[in-house]
Amino acid sequence: MTPAVDSPVASGRAGDTAHQKAWYWYDWANSAYVTTTLTVLMAPYLTVIAKKSACPTLPSDVACPTNLSVVGIPVAPGSLVFYVLTFSTIVSAIVLIFIGAIADRSPRPVRLFAGFAWAGAAAASAMFLVSGDNWALGVLLLIFANLCLGSSLVIYDSLLCRIASPDERDRVSSRGWAWGYLGGGLLLALNLALLTLAGQIGISAGMAVRISLLSAGLWWATFTIIPVVGLRDLRGATDATEQTVSWAATETTTVRGPGVISAVSVPSVISGSLRQLTGTFRELRLYPQTMLFLLAYLFFNDGIQTVISASSVYGAEELNFSNSQLIEIILLVQFVAFGGALLFGRLARRFGAWRVVLSSLGLWTLVVTIAFFVPTGGFLIFVGLAVLIGIVLGGSQALSRSMFSQLIPRGREAEFFSLYQAMERGTSWFGTLVFGLVHQFTDSYRWAIIALIVFFVVGGLLLSRVRMREGIIAAGNEVPAVI
């Protein structure tokens, strides 16, 4: 039997390499959903479904002048998906912090992780049922899947602190992101083939999209098995042992199955987690560099996430690219980002993650500026832009994750990562809100995309003020050789 592991930080044992290898696979697993569903297919598909509901007699390529009614609020069909992402993130910002508190108090965090991952994968698979003008089902499934994705990533990211030492985290985080881009790109390539050959094999383009959405959910569920099995011996952090023992002794909590807490203990878990959350927000003021990093991350990651989530709609609606062209572009980004993430990991070992991420924000500003000037139908120009996006995409996100892991006090990893994850991939809210509002008022995706520059500028200015060494020491962590 494999011994239980509860060390909050890896210390070079032989078993740590096995944990890291198992950990990488969840980036591979969930990136299929992030890439195929969130980045490429769901936004334009849901937009078409919404337009069909609001303007059933108009062709899908004609602008719809009629608004949808969402709980009595008029919403332009072209802006619906961005408001959905905004709403799901606001919900996530509340729920994920609570999830982080529970995860830190759980003796079996991997079980919670598994439950959220498989619930999200089930919702992603159920998107196959979205058809006709049933945009409401698509909205509900998208919100639920995103919430489960964020919940699973809170726990997953927090495990980085237990499987990698401070000097290893840039490398391990970057490699995880690289695996994610490779896995997401592989499934996207298969879906590209399906969409391209749909007519030849006797299915409609809509059915090909639905099958692709189903494949992303099944991929997510299947490959999640590897990290669940490989990390099953990890327990709660040792720095939280006294807290966990006391909690277990007074609250009599029993965990049954993946992430399911017995009904008898739920009130105790909730009350204990609420107390811990209150303490977290109070203590966050004691870590000003951690708080400043989170504020910087809120801005620049919102910009990154909005570029990712809006790219397919921008290409389809503003530049008139076909679904096949969009998938080819995103596929190119995926495989370039695989190398970009590894490259940024190496650059961080030499120059430090802080400098590398700060430099990448200048490149993101350049990306948005170029996107504004790409002419309609300018596919080759957009391909060149996609290469630049791929280089900076994976590396900036991977290094942000490892940087934040250095600024978290031990024993509070999941709780602090819940704050981080509320701003993470697929859950940006301010950026998508601005993008949706600018589009609704200008009826132009070009002005919506150029408005995102402010997020990279403000985020970069805030990040430049973060003193990493001071923040790491304040959190009580070991300072890496290069920061």
Protein backbone atom coordinates (compact mmCIF):
# COMPACT_ATOMS: atom_id res chain seq x y z
CA MET A 1 0.00 0.00 0.00
CA THR A 2 1.26 3.49 -0.90
CA PRO A 3 1.92 5.52 2.24
CA ALA A 4 -0.10 8.66 2.82
CA VAL A 5 1.73 11.84 1.90
CA ASP A 6 0.92 15.04 3.71
CA SER A 7 4.03 17.16 3.19
CA PRO A 8 3.09 20.63 1.96
CA VAL A 9 6.29 20.97 -0.05
CA ALA A 10 8.17 18.34 -2.00
CA SER A 11 11.68 17.67 -0.78
CA GLY A 12 13.33 15.77 -3.60
CA ARG A 13 12.09 12.27 -2.77
CA ALA A 14 11.74 9.72 -5.58
CA GLY A 15 7.95 9.75 -5.19
CA ASP A 16 7.78 13.47 -5.93
CA THR A 17 8.59 12.97 -9.61
CA ALA A 18 5.71 10.53 -9.90
CA HIS A 19 3.39 13.07 -8.28
CA GLN A 20 4.50 15.76 -10.71
CA LYS A 21 3.92 13.49 -13.70
CA ALA A 22 0.43 12.62 -12.48
CA TRP A 23 -0.27 16.30 -11.78
CA TYR A 24 0.55 17.33 -15.36
CA TRP A 25 -2.27 15.18 -16.72
CA TYR A 26 -5.03 17.40 -15.39
CA ASP A 27 -3.74 20.27 -17.50
CA TRP A 28 -3.93 17.81 -20.41
CA ALA A 29 -7.46 16.73 -19.39
CA ASN A 30 -9.27 20.04 -18.78
CA SER A 31 -7.53 21.91 -21.60
CA ALA A 32 -9.63 19.98 -24.10
CA TYR A 33 -12.73 21.69 -22.69
CA VAL A 34 -10.99 25.07 -22.40
CA THR A 35 -9.77 24.89 -25.99
CA THR A 36 -12.48 23.09 -27.97
CA THR A 37 -15.50 24.37 -26.01
CA LEU A 38 -14.62 27.70 -24.37
CA THR A 39 -12.10 29.09 -26.83
CA VAL A 40 -13.31 27.85 -30.22
CA LEU A 41 -16.80 26.40 -30.54
CA MET A 42 -19.20 27.32 -27.75
CA ALA A 43 -19.12 31.12 -28.12
CA PRO A 44 -19.91 31.27 -31.87
CA TYR A 45 -22.26 28.26 -31.62
CA LEU A 46 -24.23 29.78 -28.74
CA THR A 47 -24.29 33.10 -30.60
CA VAL A 48 -25.85 31.38 -33.64
CA ILE A 49 -28.40 29.62 -31.40
CA ALA A 50 -29.26 32.93 -29.72
CA LYS A 51 -29.65 34.71 -33.06
CA LYS A 52 -31.95 31.94 -34.29
CA SER A 53 -34.13 32.35 -31.21
CA ALA A 54 -34.29 36.17 -31.49
CA CYS A 55 -34.56 36.35 -35.31
CA PRO A 56 -35.77 32.95 -36.58
CA THR A 57 -36.40 34.16 -40.14
CA LEU A 58 -33.00 35.80 -40.72
CA PRO A 59 -29.93 33.95 -42.06
CA SER A 60 -27.24 33.33 -39.44
CA ASP A 61 -24.76 35.62 -41.22
CA VAL A 62 -27.10 38.65 -41.03
CA ALA A 63 -27.05 40.95 -37.99
CA CYS A 64 -30.06 40.39 -35.74
CA PRO A 65 -31.78 43.67 -34.69
CA THR A 66 -33.93 41.98 -32.02
CA ASN A 67 -32.77 41.52 -28.42
CA LEU A 68 -33.26 38.42 -26.32
CA SER A 69 -35.09 38.72 -23.03
CA VAL A 70 -32.98 37.26 -20.22
CA VAL A 71 -34.93 37.46 -16.93
CA GLY A 72 -36.58 40.57 -18.34
CA ILE A 73 -33.31 42.25 -19.40
CA PRO A 74 -32.79 42.99 -23.13
CA VAL A 75 -29.58 41.37 -24.35
CA ALA A 76 -28.13 41.53 -27.87
CA PRO A 77 -27.62 37.95 -29.18
CA GLY A 78 -24.04 38.83 -30.12
CA SER A 79 -23.27 39.89 -26.55
CA LEU A 80 -25.03 37.00 -24.77
CA VAL A 81 -22.02 34.71 -24.37
CA PHE A 82 -19.90 37.50 -22.86
CA TYR A 83 -22.56 38.34 -20.31
CA VAL A 84 -22.82 34.63 -19.47
CA LEU A 85 -19.07 34.48 -18.84
CA THR A 86 -19.34 37.62 -16.73
CA PHE A 87 -22.17 36.17 -14.64
CA SER A 88 -20.43 32.81 -14.19
CA THR A 89 -17.32 34.57 -12.93
CA ILE A 90 -19.21 36.69 -10.43
CA VAL A 91 -20.78 33.49 -9.08
CA SER A 92 -17.34 31.83 -9.11
CA ALA A 93 -15.78 34.71 -7.19
CA ILE A 94 -18.18 33.92 -4.36
CA VAL A 95 -18.30 30.13 -4.55
CA LEU A 96 -14.65 29.35 -5.28
CA ILE A 97 -13.39 31.16 -2.18
CA PHE A 98 -15.73 29.01 -0.13
CA ILE A 99 -14.51 25.88 -1.97
CA GLY A 100 -10.92 26.81 -1.15
CA ALA A 101 -11.72 27.06 2.55
CA ILE A 102 -13.34 23.61 2.51
CA ALA A 103 -10.44 22.10 0.56
CA ASP A 104 -7.88 23.36 3.05
CA ARG A 105 -9.89 21.76 5.84
CA SER A 106 -10.33 18.47 3.99
CA PRO A 107 -8.06 15.53 4.85
CA ARG A 108 -8.66 14.20 1.29
CA PRO A 109 -8.45 17.19 -1.09
CA VAL A 110 -7.96 14.94 -4.13
CA ARG A 111 -11.45 13.48 -3.59
CA LEU A 112 -12.97 16.95 -3.71
CA PHE A 113 -10.92 17.67 -6.81
CA ALA A 114 -12.21 14.52 -8.52
CA GLY A 115 -15.84 15.27 -7.71
CA PHE A 116 -15.71 18.77 -9.19
CA ALA A 117 -13.73 17.66 -12.25
CA TRP A 118 -16.12 14.86 -13.17
CA ALA A 119 -19.22 17.00 -12.51
CA GLY A 120 -17.85 19.66 -14.85
CA ALA A 121 -16.99 17.05 -17.47
CA ALA A 122 -20.58 15.73 -17.30
CA ALA A 123 -21.97 19.23 -17.93
CA ALA A 124 -19.51 19.73 -20.80
CA SER A 125 -20.62 16.43 -22.35
CA ALA A 126 -24.29 17.43 -21.98
CA MET A 127 -23.66 20.42 -24.26
CA PHE A 128 -24.25 17.93 -27.06
CA LEU A 129 -27.97 18.43 -26.28
CA VAL A 130 -27.89 22.17 -27.11
CA SER A 131 -29.53 22.61 -30.52
CA GLY A 132 -32.25 24.49 -32.35
CA ASP A 133 -32.98 27.72 -30.49
CA ASN A 134 -32.39 26.30 -27.00
CA TRP A 135 -29.85 28.88 -25.91
CA ALA A 136 -31.05 28.73 -22.27
CA LEU A 137 -29.80 25.14 -21.86
CA GLY A 138 -26.45 26.17 -23.28
CA VAL A 139 -26.23 29.07 -20.83
CA LEU A 140 -27.00 26.88 -17.80
CA LEU A 141 -24.53 24.15 -18.80
CA LEU A 142 -21.81 26.68 -19.55
CA ILE A 143 -22.21 28.35 -16.15
CA PHE A 144 -22.20 25.02 -14.29
CA ALA A 145 -19.24 23.58 -16.22
CA ASN A 146 -17.19 26.75 -15.66
CA LEU A 147 -17.98 26.73 -11.95
CA CYS A 148 -16.89 23.09 -11.63
CA LEU A 149 -13.76 23.77 -13.69
CA GLY A 150 -12.81 26.65 -11.43
CA SER A 151 -13.51 24.58 -8.29
CA SER A 152 -11.33 21.71 -9.48
CA LEU A 153 -8.53 24.09 -10.47
CA VAL A 154 -8.54 25.71 -7.01
CA ILE A 155 -7.53 22.37 -5.52
CA TYR A 156 -5.32 21.33 -8.44
CA ASP A 157 -3.27 24.55 -8.36
CA SER A 158 -2.90 24.34 -4.58
CA LEU A 159 -1.30 20.89 -4.94
CA LEU A 160 1.61 22.53 -6.78
CA CYS A 161 2.87 23.70 -3.38
CA ARG A 162 2.99 20.08 -2.16
CA ILE A 163 4.62 18.39 -5.15
CA ALA A 164 7.31 20.97 -6.01
CA SER A 165 9.89 22.90 -4.01
CA PRO A 166 10.09 26.71 -4.50
CA ASP A 167 12.95 26.38 -6.99
CA GLU A 168 11.01 23.79 -9.02
CA ARG A 169 7.67 25.54 -9.33
CA ASP A 170 8.38 27.66 -12.42
CA ARG A 171 9.51 24.53 -14.26
CA VAL A 172 6.67 22.30 -13.01
CA SER A 173 3.96 24.90 -13.63
CA SER A 174 5.31 25.67 -17.11
CA ARG A 175 5.48 22.00 -18.01
CA GLY A 176 1.89 21.50 -16.83
CA TRP A 177 0.69 24.33 -19.05
CA ALA A 178 2.71 22.89 -21.95
CA TRP A 179 1.03 19.50 -21.52
CA GLY A 180 -2.31 21.29 -21.47
CA TYR A 181 -1.69 22.98 -24.79
CA LEU A 182 -0.50 19.74 -26.32
CA GLY A 183 -3.54 17.77 -25.13
CA GLY A 184 -6.00 20.51 -26.03
CA GLY A 185 -4.37 20.90 -29.43
CA LEU A 186 -4.52 17.17 -30.16
CA LEU A 187 -8.28 16.96 -29.56
CA LEU A 188 -8.81 20.20 -31.45
CA ALA A 189 -7.00 18.70 -34.45
CA LEU A 190 -9.37 15.71 -34.38
CA ASN A 191 -12.35 18.05 -34.17
CA LEU A 192 -11.00 20.10 -37.06
CA ALA A 193 -10.93 16.93 -39.15
CA LEU A 194 -14.52 16.16 -38.13
CA LEU A 195 -15.78 19.66 -39.03
CA THR A 196 -13.91 19.59 -42.34
CA LEU A 197 -15.26 16.15 -43.32
CA ALA A 198 -18.75 16.60 -41.87
CA GLY A 199 -20.49 16.79 -45.25
CA GLN A 200 -18.57 13.83 -46.64
CA ILE A 201 -19.54 11.56 -43.75
CA GLY A 202 -23.18 12.59 -43.88
CA ILE A 203 -23.60 14.91 -40.87
CA SER A 204 -24.44 18.59 -40.67
CA ALA A 205 -22.03 21.28 -39.49
CA GLY A 206 -24.18 21.75 -36.39
CA MET A 207 -24.00 18.06 -35.53
CA ALA A 208 -20.22 18.13 -36.02
CA VAL A 209 -20.00 20.99 -33.52
CA ARG A 210 -22.19 19.10 -31.03
CA ILE A 211 -20.06 15.95 -31.34
CA SER A 212 -16.94 18.06 -30.79
CA LEU A 213 -18.47 19.54 -27.62
CA LEU A 214 -19.25 16.00 -26.41
CA SER A 215 -15.70 14.85 -27.16
CA ALA A 216 -14.26 17.64 -25.01
CA GLY A 217 -16.35 16.56 -22.02
CA LEU A 218 -15.44 12.89 -22.44
CA TRP A 219 -11.74 13.73 -22.84
CA TRP A 220 -11.85 15.82 -19.66
CA ALA A 221 -13.51 13.01 -17.70
CA THR A 222 -11.28 10.20 -19.00
CA PHE A 223 -7.87 11.77 -18.48
CA THR A 224 -8.83 13.11 -15.05
CA ILE A 225 -8.53 9.49 -13.89
CA ILE A 226 -4.71 9.72 -14.10
CA PRO A 227 -4.17 12.59 -11.61
CA VAL A 228 -6.90 11.28 -9.31
CA VAL A 229 -5.13 7.91 -9.07
CA GLY A 230 -1.59 9.34 -9.07
CA LEU A 231 -2.25 11.93 -6.36
CA ARG A 232 -4.67 9.93 -4.21
CA ASP A 233 -2.12 9.53 -1.40
CA LEU A 234 -1.79 13.29 -0.83
CA ARG A 235 -3.41 14.53 2.38
CA GLY A 236 -4.05 17.93 3.92
CA ALA A 237 -0.99 20.14 4.42
CA THR A 238 1.04 19.44 7.57
CA ASP A 239 0.94 23.10 8.58
CA ALA A 240 -2.82 22.67 8.82
CA THR A 241 -2.58 19.36 10.72
CA GLU A 242 -3.41 20.79 14.12
CA GLN A 243 -6.31 22.71 12.63
CA THR A 244 -7.55 19.62 10.76
CA VAL A 245 -7.24 17.34 13.78
CA SER A 246 -9.09 19.81 15.98
CA TRP A 247 -11.77 20.22 13.35
CA ALA A 248 -12.14 16.45 12.95
CA ALA A 249 -12.32 15.94 16.70
CA THR A 250 -14.99 18.56 17.32
CA GLU A 251 -17.02 18.37 14.12
CA THR A 252 -16.91 14.61 13.39
CA THR A 253 -16.65 14.97 9.64
CA THR A 254 -16.75 11.91 7.41
CA VAL A 255 -15.82 11.94 3.74
CA ARG A 256 -17.69 9.45 1.58
CA GLY A 257 -16.85 9.15 -2.08
CA PRO A 258 -15.25 11.74 -4.38
CA GLY A 259 -15.77 15.11 -2.81
CA VAL A 260 -18.99 14.17 -1.01
CA ILE A 261 -19.35 15.07 2.67
CA SER A 262 -21.91 13.29 4.77
CA ALA A 263 -25.14 15.18 5.32
CA VAL A 264 -24.68 15.14 9.09
CA SER A 265 -21.43 17.12 8.89
CA VAL A 266 -22.41 19.76 6.31
CA PRO A 267 -23.43 22.49 8.83
CA SER A 268 -20.18 21.97 10.73
CA VAL A 269 -18.11 22.19 7.57
CA ILE A 270 -19.92 25.35 6.49
CA SER A 271 -19.58 27.10 9.85
CA GLY A 272 -15.92 26.14 10.17
CA SER A 273 -15.16 27.22 6.60
CA LEU A 274 -16.93 30.55 7.07
CA ARG A 275 -14.80 31.25 10.13
CA GLN A 276 -11.70 30.39 8.14
CA LEU A 277 -12.79 32.64 5.26
CA THR A 278 -13.30 35.55 7.63
CA GLY A 279 -9.78 35.00 8.92
CA THR A 280 -8.39 34.84 5.38
CA PHE A 281 -9.73 38.23 4.34
CA ARG A 282 -8.54 39.70 7.62
CA GLU A 283 -5.09 38.14 7.24
CA LEU A 284 -4.76 39.12 3.59
CA ARG A 285 -4.03 42.64 4.76
CA LEU A 286 -0.93 41.25 6.48
CA TYR A 287 0.42 40.18 3.07
CA PRO A 288 0.40 43.43 1.04
CA GLN A 289 2.58 42.02 -1.76
CA THR A 290 0.27 39.02 -2.17
CA MET A 291 -2.71 41.38 -2.30
CA LEU A 292 -0.97 43.64 -4.82
CA PHE A 293 -0.11 40.67 -7.03
CA LEU A 294 -3.76 39.54 -6.97
CA LEU A 295 -4.87 43.02 -7.99
CA ALA A 296 -2.36 43.10 -10.85
CA TYR A 297 -3.42 39.61 -11.89
CA LEU A 298 -7.08 40.65 -11.87
CA PHE A 299 -6.34 43.20 -14.58
CA PHE A 300 -3.82 41.52 -16.86
CA ASN A 301 -5.37 38.06 -16.65
CA ASP A 302 -8.81 39.51 -17.42
CA GLY A 303 -7.24 40.92 -20.56
CA ILE A 304 -5.67 37.56 -21.48
CA GLN A 305 -8.86 35.61 -20.76
CA THR A 306 -11.02 37.99 -22.75
CA VAL A 307 -8.69 37.79 -25.74
CA ILE A 308 -8.92 33.99 -25.53
CA SER A 309 -12.70 33.80 -25.11
CA ALA A 310 -13.43 36.53 -27.68
CA SER A 311 -10.98 35.42 -30.38
CA SER A 312 -13.35 32.95 -32.06
CA VAL A 313 -16.28 35.40 -32.09
CA TYR A 314 -13.98 38.20 -33.30
CA GLY A 315 -12.71 35.99 -36.12
CA ALA A 316 -16.16 34.74 -37.11
CA GLU A 317 -18.21 37.93 -36.77
CA GLU A 318 -15.70 40.71 -37.53
CA LEU A 319 -13.18 39.04 -39.86
CA ASN A 320 -15.61 36.58 -41.53
CA PHE A 321 -13.47 33.50 -40.94
CA SER A 322 -15.07 30.07 -41.30
CA ASN A 323 -15.22 27.53 -38.45
CA SER A 324 -12.43 25.56 -40.11
CA GLN A 325 -10.21 28.65 -40.35
CA LEU A 326 -10.87 29.49 -36.72
CA ILE A 327 -9.92 26.01 -35.59
CA GLU A 328 -6.77 26.10 -37.72
CA ILE A 329 -5.75 29.37 -36.02
CA ILE A 330 -6.48 28.12 -32.51
CA LEU A 331 -4.72 24.85 -33.31
CA LEU A 332 -1.65 26.80 -34.37
CA VAL A 333 -1.81 28.79 -31.12
CA GLN A 334 -2.02 25.55 -29.11
CA PHE A 335 1.11 23.98 -30.53
CA VAL A 336 3.11 27.22 -30.53
CA ALA A 337 2.02 27.76 -26.91
CA PHE A 338 3.40 24.34 -26.01
CA GLY A 339 6.87 25.55 -26.95
CA GLY A 340 6.18 29.02 -25.56
CA ALA A 341 5.38 27.67 -22.10
CA LEU A 342 8.59 25.63 -22.00
CA LEU A 343 10.57 28.62 -23.33
CA PHE A 344 9.20 30.93 -20.65
CA GLY A 345 10.05 28.33 -18.00
CA ARG A 346 13.66 28.42 -19.13
CA LEU A 347 13.72 32.21 -19.30
CA ALA A 348 12.36 32.34 -15.75
CA ARG A 349 15.25 30.19 -14.50
CA ARG A 350 17.65 32.78 -15.88
CA PHE A 351 15.88 36.12 -15.46
CA GLY A 352 13.18 35.36 -12.88
CA ALA A 353 9.45 34.87 -13.40
CA TRP A 354 8.58 38.44 -12.38
CA ARG A 355 10.66 40.03 -15.14
CA VAL A 356 9.51 37.56 -17.77
CA VAL A 357 5.80 38.04 -17.02
CA LEU A 358 6.18 41.81 -16.92
CA SER A 359 7.83 41.75 -20.35
CA SER A 360 5.07 39.51 -21.72
CA LEU A 361 2.43 42.14 -20.92
CA GLY A 362 4.12 44.49 -23.38
CA LEU A 363 3.76 41.79 -26.04
CA TRP A 364 0.08 41.31 -25.14
CA THR A 365 -0.49 45.04 -25.73
CA LEU A 366 1.11 44.65 -29.15
CA VAL A 367 -1.15 41.65 -29.91
CA VAL A 368 -4.35 43.61 -29.19
CA THR A 369 -3.16 46.59 -31.25
CA ILE A 370 -2.39 44.41 -34.27
CA ALA A 371 -5.75 42.61 -33.95
CA PHE A 372 -7.59 45.94 -34.25
CA PHE A 373 -6.00 46.61 -37.66
CA VAL A 374 -6.38 43.13 -39.20
CA PRO A 375 -8.57 43.61 -42.31
CA THR A 376 -11.71 41.56 -42.89
CA GLY A 377 -10.68 38.28 -44.47
CA GLY A 378 -7.01 38.89 -43.61
CA PHE A 379 -6.36 35.27 -42.69
CA LEU A 380 -2.59 35.20 -43.26
CA ILE A 381 -2.07 38.32 -41.15
CA PHE A 382 -4.10 36.75 -38.37
CA VAL A 383 -2.00 33.58 -38.64
CA GLY A 384 1.12 35.66 -37.92
CA LEU A 385 -0.66 37.23 -34.96
CA ALA A 386 -1.62 33.74 -33.72
CA VAL A 387 2.07 32.77 -33.59
CA LEU A 388 2.81 35.77 -31.39
CA ILE A 389 -0.16 34.93 -29.15
CA GLY A 390 1.05 31.36 -28.80
CA ILE A 391 4.51 32.44 -27.69
CA VAL A 392 3.28 34.63 -24.83
CA LEU A 393 0.05 32.80 -23.88
CA GLY A 394 1.18 29.70 -22.03
CA GLY A 395 4.28 31.20 -20.49
CA SER A 396 2.61 34.25 -18.95
CA GLN A 397 -0.12 32.13 -17.37
CA ALA A 398 2.15 29.33 -16.16
CA LEU A 399 4.62 31.70 -14.51
CA SER A 400 1.81 33.70 -12.90
CA ARG A 401 0.63 30.49 -11.22
CA SER A 402 4.08 29.62 -9.90
CA MET A 403 4.71 33.22 -8.76
CA PHE A 404 1.52 33.26 -6.74
CA SER A 405 2.35 29.90 -5.14
CA GLN A 406 5.41 31.57 -3.60
CA LEU A 407 3.27 34.27 -1.94
CA ILE A 408 0.86 31.93 -0.10
CA PRO A 409 1.25 31.05 3.60
CA ARG A 410 1.52 27.29 4.14
CA GLY A 411 -1.62 25.41 5.01
CA ARG A 412 -3.82 27.96 3.21
CA GLU A 413 -2.93 26.96 -0.36
CA ALA A 414 -6.41 26.06 -1.63
CA GLU A 415 -8.05 29.00 0.09
CA PHE A 416 -5.63 31.52 -1.40
CA PHE A 417 -5.70 29.81 -4.79
CA SER A 418 -9.48 30.20 -4.73
CA LEU A 419 -8.90 33.97 -4.83
CA TYR A 420 -6.50 33.43 -7.71
CA GLN A 421 -8.78 31.02 -9.53
CA ALA A 422 -11.72 33.41 -9.42
CA MET A 423 -9.69 35.47 -11.91
CA GLU A 424 -8.31 32.51 -13.86
CA ARG A 425 -8.89 31.09 -17.35
CA GLY A 426 -12.45 30.99 -18.58
CA THR A 427 -13.70 33.03 -15.58
CA SER A 428 -12.66 36.62 -16.30
CA TRP A 429 -15.53 38.98 -15.70
CA PHE A 430 -14.45 42.59 -15.99
CA GLY A 431 -12.85 42.05 -19.40
CA THR A 432 -15.80 40.17 -20.87
CA LEU A 433 -18.19 42.75 -19.41
CA VAL A 434 -16.28 45.61 -21.03
CA PHE A 435 -16.04 43.68 -24.30
CA GLY A 436 -19.77 42.96 -24.33
CA LEU A 437 -20.75 46.53 -23.42
CA VAL A 438 -18.43 48.13 -25.99
CA HIS A 439 -19.83 45.82 -28.67
CA GLN A 440 -23.42 46.53 -27.68
CA PHE A 441 -22.93 50.31 -27.80
CA THR A 442 -20.70 50.47 -30.92
CA ASP A 443 -21.89 47.34 -32.77
CA SER A 444 -18.20 46.71 -33.49
CA TYR A 445 -15.93 43.97 -32.20
CA ARG A 446 -12.89 46.02 -33.26
CA TRP A 447 -13.52 48.73 -30.68
CA ALA A 448 -14.31 46.01 -28.16
CA ILE A 449 -10.93 44.32 -28.72
CA ILE A 450 -8.90 47.55 -28.62
CA ALA A 451 -10.53 48.48 -25.30
CA LEU A 452 -8.67 45.56 -23.71
CA ILE A 453 -5.34 47.42 -23.87
CA VAL A 454 -6.20 49.15 -20.61
CA PHE A 455 -6.15 45.80 -18.77
CA PHE A 456 -2.57 45.03 -19.82
CA VAL A 457 -1.33 48.55 -19.09
CA VAL A 458 -2.90 48.75 -15.62
CA GLY A 459 -1.92 45.15 -14.81
CA GLY A 460 1.67 45.80 -15.86
CA LEU A 461 1.92 48.96 -13.77
CA LEU A 462 0.62 47.15 -10.69
CA LEU A 463 2.86 44.11 -11.25
CA SER A 464 5.91 46.37 -11.56
CA ARG A 465 5.26 47.48 -7.96
CA VAL A 466 5.15 43.93 -6.52
CA ARG A 467 8.24 43.17 -4.42
CA MET A 468 8.44 39.40 -4.75
CA ARG A 469 11.24 38.74 -2.26
CA GLU A 470 9.50 40.75 0.44
CA GLY A 471 6.20 38.97 -0.24
CA ILE A 472 7.76 35.48 -0.14
CA ILE A 473 9.48 36.18 3.17
CA ALA A 474 6.30 37.69 4.64
CA ALA A 475 4.40 34.51 3.72
CA GLY A 476 7.01 32.45 5.57
CA ASN A 477 8.26 30.63 2.49
CA GLU A 478 11.72 29.79 1.19
CA VAL A 479 13.05 32.34 -1.31
CA PRO A 480 13.98 30.71 -4.67
CA ALA A 481 17.44 31.26 -6.08
CA VAL A 482 16.01 33.36 -8.93
CA ILE A 483 12.75 35.31 -8.58
